[in-house]
Amino acid sequence: MERVCFLLKVRKERLSDYKQRHEAVWEDMLQALRETGWHNYSLFLREDGMLVGYLETPDFAAALSGMSQQEVNARWQREMAPFFENLEGQRPDEGLLRLPEIFHLA
């Protein structure tokens, strides 16, 4: 199982809206994440907008690819893109910065 940690930057003026959106994630989006291998998925948000994501998956490349083929993901990414800084024309799921794992205590 791969452990994946990534960063994105939420616009400070959109923090409240971003949090609110994640209080009611669409059920079809949650199902698509589960079906494409996103497990133990969590998001953490600092007050300056730094977003840290964590998930476990058998294959992160396959999980990303599987989600990219889901219609619900295309809708979600379109709606969420305005919340983020520095995407440079990418969708949020394409613009995330993956951090390398350097230690794990099992």
N, C-alpha and C. Protein backbone atom coordinates (compact mmCIF):
# COMPACT_ATOMS: atom_id res chain seq x y z
N MET A 1 0.85 -1.18 0.00
CA MET A 1 0.00 0.00 0.00
C MET A 1 0.89 1.24 0.00
N GLU A 2 0.68 2.13 -0.94
CA GLU A 2 1.41 3.40 -0.97
C GLU A 2 0.76 4.39 -0.02
N ARG A 3 1.57 5.10 0.73
CA ARG A 3 1.10 6.24 1.53
C ARG A 3 1.47 7.48 0.74
N VAL A 4 0.50 8.33 0.48
CA VAL A 4 0.71 9.51 -0.36
C VAL A 4 0.37 10.76 0.44
N CYS A 5 1.27 11.74 0.40
CA CYS A 5 1.04 13.04 1.01
C CYS A 5 1.26 14.08 -0.08
N PHE A 6 0.36 15.06 -0.14
CA PHE A 6 0.50 16.10 -1.16
C PHE A 6 0.10 17.46 -0.61
N LEU A 7 0.53 18.50 -1.31
CA LEU A 7 0.24 19.88 -0.94
C LEU A 7 -0.49 20.60 -2.07
N LEU A 8 -1.37 21.50 -1.68
CA LEU A 8 -1.99 22.48 -2.56
C LEU A 8 -2.15 23.75 -1.73
N LYS A 9 -2.42 24.86 -2.38
CA LYS A 9 -2.60 26.12 -1.67
C LYS A 9 -3.98 26.69 -1.97
N VAL A 10 -4.81 26.78 -0.92
CA VAL A 10 -6.16 27.34 -1.02
C VAL A 10 -6.05 28.86 -0.86
N ARG A 11 -6.78 29.58 -1.68
CA ARG A 11 -6.80 31.05 -1.56
C ARG A 11 -7.35 31.43 -0.20
N LYS A 12 -6.66 32.34 0.48
CA LYS A 12 -7.06 32.72 1.84
C LYS A 12 -8.50 33.22 1.90
N GLU A 13 -8.92 33.97 0.89
CA GLU A 13 -10.28 34.51 0.90
C GLU A 13 -11.35 33.44 0.65
N ARG A 14 -10.93 32.22 0.31
CA ARG A 14 -11.87 31.13 0.02
C ARG A 14 -11.83 30.02 1.06
N LEU A 15 -11.07 30.20 2.15
CA LEU A 15 -10.91 29.14 3.15
C LEU A 15 -12.25 28.66 3.72
N SER A 16 -13.09 29.58 4.10
CA SER A 16 -14.37 29.21 4.70
C SER A 16 -15.23 28.42 3.72
N ASP A 17 -15.30 28.90 2.48
CA ASP A 17 -16.07 28.20 1.45
C ASP A 17 -15.50 26.81 1.18
N TYR A 18 -14.17 26.71 1.15
CA TYR A 18 -13.53 25.43 0.90
C TYR A 18 -13.88 24.42 1.99
N LYS A 19 -13.80 24.86 3.24
CA LYS A 19 -14.16 23.98 4.36
C LYS A 19 -15.62 23.54 4.25
N GLN A 20 -16.48 24.48 3.93
CA GLN A 20 -17.91 24.19 3.82
C GLN A 20 -18.18 23.16 2.73
N ARG A 21 -17.50 23.27 1.59
CA ARG A 21 -17.69 22.29 0.51
C ARG A 21 -17.35 20.88 0.96
N HIS A 22 -16.39 20.76 1.86
CA HIS A 22 -15.98 19.43 2.29
C HIS A 22 -16.80 18.88 3.44
N GLU A 23 -17.74 19.65 3.93
CA GLU A 23 -18.70 19.14 4.92
C GLU A 23 -19.77 18.30 4.24
N ALA A 24 -19.92 18.47 2.93
CA ALA A 24 -20.96 17.75 2.19
C ALA A 24 -20.44 17.34 0.81
N VAL A 25 -19.40 16.52 0.79
CA VAL A 25 -18.88 16.02 -0.48
C VAL A 25 -19.94 15.14 -1.12
N TRP A 26 -20.13 15.31 -2.42
CA TRP A 26 -21.15 14.55 -3.14
C TRP A 26 -20.94 13.04 -2.93
N GLU A 27 -22.02 12.33 -2.72
CA GLU A 27 -21.93 10.88 -2.49
C GLU A 27 -21.33 10.16 -3.70
N ASP A 28 -21.66 10.60 -4.93
CA ASP A 28 -21.09 9.94 -6.11
C ASP A 28 -19.58 10.21 -6.23
N MET A 29 -19.11 11.33 -5.70
CA MET A 29 -17.68 11.60 -5.68
C MET A 29 -16.99 10.68 -4.66
N LEU A 30 -17.58 10.54 -3.49
CA LEU A 30 -17.03 9.64 -2.47
C LEU A 30 -16.96 8.21 -3.00
N GLN A 31 -18.01 7.78 -3.67
CA GLN A 31 -18.03 6.42 -4.22
C GLN A 31 -16.96 6.24 -5.29
N ALA A 32 -16.78 7.24 -6.15
CA ALA A 32 -15.76 7.15 -7.19
C ALA A 32 -14.36 7.06 -6.56
N LEU A 33 -14.11 7.84 -5.52
CA LEU A 33 -12.82 7.76 -4.84
C LEU A 33 -12.59 6.36 -4.28
N ARG A 34 -13.59 5.81 -3.61
CA ARG A 34 -13.45 4.45 -3.06
C ARG A 34 -13.18 3.43 -4.16
N GLU A 35 -13.95 3.51 -5.23
CA GLU A 35 -13.85 2.53 -6.32
C GLU A 35 -12.52 2.60 -7.06
N THR A 36 -11.86 3.76 -7.05
CA THR A 36 -10.60 3.90 -7.78
C THR A 36 -9.38 3.78 -6.88
N GLY A 37 -9.58 3.37 -5.62
CA GLY A 37 -8.45 3.02 -4.77
C GLY A 37 -7.97 4.08 -3.81
N TRP A 38 -8.80 5.08 -3.52
CA TRP A 38 -8.42 6.11 -2.53
C TRP A 38 -8.93 5.66 -1.17
N HIS A 39 -8.01 5.32 -0.28
CA HIS A 39 -8.37 4.83 1.05
C HIS A 39 -7.73 5.70 2.13
N ASN A 40 -8.39 5.77 3.28
CA ASN A 40 -7.88 6.51 4.42
C ASN A 40 -7.48 7.93 3.99
N TYR A 41 -8.33 8.56 3.18
CA TYR A 41 -8.06 9.87 2.58
C TYR A 41 -8.46 10.98 3.54
N SER A 42 -7.52 11.88 3.82
CA SER A 42 -7.75 13.00 4.73
C SER A 42 -7.18 14.28 4.14
N LEU A 43 -7.81 15.40 4.47
CA LEU A 43 -7.30 16.73 4.12
C LEU A 43 -7.12 17.53 5.40
N PHE A 44 -6.03 18.29 5.46
CA PHE A 44 -5.72 19.15 6.59
C PHE A 44 -5.46 20.54 6.03
N LEU A 45 -5.97 21.58 6.70
CA LEU A 45 -5.88 22.94 6.16
C LEU A 45 -5.38 23.92 7.22
N ARG A 46 -4.28 24.60 6.90
CA ARG A 46 -3.78 25.66 7.77
C ARG A 46 -4.51 26.95 7.46
N GLU A 47 -4.49 27.87 8.40
CA GLU A 47 -5.19 29.15 8.23
C GLU A 47 -4.59 30.02 7.14
N ASP A 48 -3.35 29.76 6.72
CA ASP A 48 -2.76 30.52 5.62
C ASP A 48 -3.09 29.91 4.26
N GLY A 49 -3.88 28.83 4.25
CA GLY A 49 -4.30 28.20 3.00
C GLY A 49 -3.52 26.96 2.61
N MET A 50 -2.47 26.62 3.34
CA MET A 50 -1.71 25.42 3.01
C MET A 50 -2.58 24.18 3.26
N LEU A 51 -2.81 23.41 2.20
CA LEU A 51 -3.62 22.20 2.27
C LEU A 51 -2.71 21.00 2.17
N VAL A 52 -2.84 20.09 3.12
CA VAL A 52 -2.08 18.84 3.12
C VAL A 52 -3.07 17.70 2.96
N GLY A 53 -2.83 16.89 1.94
CA GLY A 53 -3.67 15.71 1.72
C GLY A 53 -2.89 14.45 2.01
N TYR A 54 -3.58 13.44 2.51
CA TYR A 54 -2.97 12.15 2.80
C TYR A 54 -3.94 11.06 2.37
N LEU A 55 -3.41 10.02 1.74
CA LEU A 55 -4.22 8.86 1.39
C LEU A 55 -3.35 7.63 1.31
N GLU A 56 -4.00 6.50 1.31
CA GLU A 56 -3.33 5.22 1.09
C GLU A 56 -3.99 4.56 -0.10
N THR A 57 -3.17 3.95 -0.95
CA THR A 57 -3.69 3.34 -2.17
C THR A 57 -2.73 2.26 -2.66
N PRO A 58 -3.24 1.23 -3.32
CA PRO A 58 -2.34 0.22 -3.87
C PRO A 58 -1.42 0.80 -4.96
N ASP A 59 -1.91 1.82 -5.71
CA ASP A 59 -1.16 2.37 -6.84
C ASP A 59 -1.67 3.78 -7.10
N PHE A 60 -0.89 4.79 -6.71
CA PHE A 60 -1.35 6.17 -6.83
C PHE A 60 -1.56 6.59 -8.28
N ALA A 61 -0.67 6.18 -9.17
CA ALA A 61 -0.85 6.52 -10.58
C ALA A 61 -2.17 5.95 -11.10
N ALA A 62 -2.48 4.71 -10.73
CA ALA A 62 -3.75 4.10 -11.15
C ALA A 62 -4.94 4.79 -10.50
N ALA A 63 -4.80 5.21 -9.24
CA ALA A 63 -5.88 5.92 -8.55
C ALA A 63 -6.17 7.25 -9.23
N LEU A 64 -5.13 8.00 -9.59
CA LEU A 64 -5.31 9.26 -10.31
C LEU A 64 -5.93 9.03 -11.69
N SER A 65 -5.42 8.04 -12.38
CA SER A 65 -5.94 7.72 -13.71
C SER A 65 -7.40 7.30 -13.65
N GLY A 66 -7.73 6.48 -12.67
CA GLY A 66 -9.12 6.04 -12.53
C GLY A 66 -10.05 7.20 -12.27
N MET A 67 -9.63 8.13 -11.41
CA MET A 67 -10.47 9.30 -11.13
C MET A 67 -10.58 10.21 -12.35
N SER A 68 -9.52 10.31 -13.14
CA SER A 68 -9.55 11.20 -14.30
C SER A 68 -10.58 10.75 -15.33
N GLN A 69 -11.01 9.50 -15.25
CA GLN A 69 -12.00 8.96 -16.18
C GLN A 69 -13.43 9.07 -15.66
N GLN A 70 -13.59 9.59 -14.45
CA GLN A 70 -14.91 9.69 -13.83
C GLN A 70 -15.55 11.04 -14.13
N GLU A 71 -16.77 11.03 -14.63
CA GLU A 71 -17.48 12.27 -14.94
C GLU A 71 -17.66 13.12 -13.69
N VAL A 72 -17.94 12.50 -12.56
CA VAL A 72 -18.13 13.26 -11.32
C VAL A 72 -16.84 13.97 -10.93
N ASN A 73 -15.70 13.38 -11.19
CA ASN A 73 -14.43 14.03 -10.88
C ASN A 73 -14.23 15.27 -11.75
N ALA A 74 -14.58 15.18 -13.02
CA ALA A 74 -14.46 16.35 -13.90
C ALA A 74 -15.30 17.51 -13.36
N ARG A 75 -16.52 17.22 -12.92
CA ARG A 75 -17.39 18.27 -12.34
C ARG A 75 -16.78 18.82 -11.06
N TRP A 76 -16.33 17.93 -10.18
CA TRP A 76 -15.76 18.36 -8.90
C TRP A 76 -14.52 19.23 -9.13
N GLN A 77 -13.62 18.79 -10.01
CA GLN A 77 -12.40 19.54 -10.27
C GLN A 77 -12.70 20.93 -10.85
N ARG A 78 -13.68 21.00 -11.75
CA ARG A 78 -14.09 22.30 -12.32
C ARG A 78 -14.58 23.24 -11.23
N GLU A 79 -15.40 22.72 -10.34
CA GLU A 79 -15.96 23.55 -9.27
C GLU A 79 -14.92 23.93 -8.22
N MET A 80 -13.93 23.08 -8.00
CA MET A 80 -12.94 23.34 -6.95
C MET A 80 -11.76 24.18 -7.44
N ALA A 81 -11.47 24.20 -8.72
CA ALA A 81 -10.30 24.92 -9.25
C ALA A 81 -10.21 26.37 -8.78
N PRO A 82 -11.31 27.14 -8.74
CA PRO A 82 -11.19 28.54 -8.30
C PRO A 82 -10.76 28.71 -6.85
N PHE A 83 -10.78 27.68 -6.06
CA PHE A 83 -10.37 27.77 -4.66
C PHE A 83 -8.85 27.80 -4.50
N PHE A 84 -8.10 27.40 -5.53
CA PHE A 84 -6.66 27.19 -5.39
C PHE A 84 -5.81 28.24 -6.07
N GLU A 85 -4.62 28.43 -5.51
CA GLU A 85 -3.59 29.28 -6.09
C GLU A 85 -2.64 28.42 -6.93
N ASN A 86 -1.99 29.04 -7.88
CA ASN A 86 -0.84 28.46 -8.59
C ASN A 86 -1.11 27.16 -9.34
N LEU A 87 -2.27 27.01 -9.94
CA LEU A 87 -2.53 25.80 -10.71
C LEU A 87 -2.01 25.89 -12.14
N GLU A 88 -1.79 27.11 -12.62
CA GLU A 88 -1.24 27.32 -13.96
C GLU A 88 -1.97 26.51 -15.03
N GLY A 89 -3.29 26.60 -15.03
CA GLY A 89 -4.10 25.93 -16.04
C GLY A 89 -4.39 24.47 -15.78
N GLN A 90 -3.89 23.93 -14.69
CA GLN A 90 -4.14 22.53 -14.37
C GLN A 90 -5.36 22.41 -13.46
N ARG A 91 -5.97 21.22 -13.46
CA ARG A 91 -7.00 20.92 -12.47
C ARG A 91 -6.30 20.71 -11.13
N PRO A 92 -7.02 20.87 -10.02
CA PRO A 92 -6.38 20.63 -8.71
C PRO A 92 -5.74 19.25 -8.59
N ASP A 93 -6.37 18.22 -9.13
CA ASP A 93 -5.79 16.88 -9.01
C ASP A 93 -4.57 16.68 -9.92
N GLU A 94 -4.33 17.62 -10.82
CA GLU A 94 -3.13 17.58 -11.66
C GLU A 94 -2.03 18.49 -11.09
N GLY A 95 -2.42 19.50 -10.29
CA GLY A 95 -1.48 20.48 -9.79
C GLY A 95 -0.96 20.21 -8.39
N LEU A 96 -1.34 19.09 -7.81
CA LEU A 96 -0.87 18.81 -6.46
C LEU A 96 0.62 18.50 -6.46
N LEU A 97 1.29 18.87 -5.38
CA LEU A 97 2.71 18.60 -5.20
C LEU A 97 2.85 17.43 -4.25
N ARG A 98 3.28 16.30 -4.78
CA ARG A 98 3.45 15.11 -3.94
C ARG A 98 4.76 15.21 -3.18
N LEU A 99 4.69 14.92 -1.88
CA LEU A 99 5.88 14.92 -1.04
C LEU A 99 6.44 13.51 -0.92
N PRO A 100 7.76 13.36 -1.02
CA PRO A 100 8.34 12.03 -0.86
C PRO A 100 8.30 11.59 0.60
N GLU A 101 7.98 10.34 0.82
CA GLU A 101 8.01 9.78 2.17
C GLU A 101 9.45 9.48 2.53
N ILE A 102 9.86 9.97 3.71
CA ILE A 102 11.23 9.71 4.14
C ILE A 102 11.33 8.87 5.40
N PHE A 103 10.18 8.66 6.07
CA PHE A 103 10.16 7.83 7.29
C PHE A 103 8.75 7.35 7.53
N HIS A 104 8.66 6.13 8.03
CA HIS A 104 7.37 5.54 8.41
C HIS A 104 7.59 4.59 9.57
N LEU A 105 6.86 4.79 10.65
CA LEU A 105 6.90 3.88 11.80
C LEU A 105 5.70 2.97 11.70
N ALA A 106 5.95 1.71 11.41
CA ALA A 106 4.86 0.74 11.26
C ALA A 106 4.48 0.13 12.59
